Amino acid sequence: MEEKYAVIFDHVSKIYSLKSKDKKDAGKRFYALKDISFKIPVGEVVGILGTNGSGKSTMSIILSGISNPEEGTITVNGEQALIAIQTGLNQQLTGLENIQLKGALLGFKKKQVQKIIDDVIDFAELGDFLYQPVKKYSSGMKSRLGFSINLALDPDIMIVDEALSVGDKRFAKKCIDKMNELKEQGKTIIFISHSLPQVKSFCTTALWIEGGELREYGDIDTVADHYDEYVQELNSMTKKEQKKLIKEKFEKRIIKEKPKKSLLNRLFE
């Protein structure tokens, strides 16, 4: 029997145009992600690793369907939800109004929306803040609301992007416990976190992105150990060496545009 996949990336690239004070860089295009291919089986729990600027957040918004790639194809089997600080929240609306808006956008009936509201009240522990504008929330409270709403939607694929890095440890543990329940139910979870111990304790496999490219994908312990060695090597460098490496990685991602031919040359081709 053929293995079922929740997500398939086939030579996927995401390209951005640079906005820079430095005129020589402005307008240049670069690879946020470059030629990435992998398959995530249904029910897999994947930790996405990578240093700052490696492309993890770009990966999360593409996985969630918020953004599309310029190159390659993506196959997603099931409903997905991105859980990240502030993502999908209207700052001017109250927490309650955000839940109602989400339900309306998804075409839910009144009873379905009320079920989500009840679940969020039970899980988020926001108290009277649920009736306050989200702009008054702390980062931790926004994370609680976003996590609780998407949890109540019961998606097939959960993409958690640094959502547990803010707020109190007790609530973070509550979220991990809940995700462990979802893991037992066979949900596919993609977990992005700077906390390597958290990723190692929760995930079964890891996907390491560095400089916009896929460095390694496989068993959590193997990939995490390789990533940890890389980070330690980076930390042992001087600031000058680190700066040079960052510049080299960035330059490698710049798309070398072909020089435009003159009109005269084009006429005689």
Foldseek 3Di string as FASTA:
>chain_A
DDFAFQKWWAQFWAKDADDDPPVVRHRFIFTLAGGDTDTHTFLAEEEEDEDPSLNPVVVLCCLQVVDDTPDTDMDGDWHEDEQDQPPQADQAAALLVSLVVVCVVVVHDPVLSVQLVVQLVVQLVPPPSSRPGNVPDDSLSSSSSSLSNVVSVVILEYEYACSLVDDDPVSSVVSLVVVVVVSVVRRYYYYYDPDLVVCLVRGQKYWYGGLNYTDDIGGSVVVSVVVVVVVVVLVVDDPVVNVVVVVVSRVVGTDDDDDDDDPVVVVVD
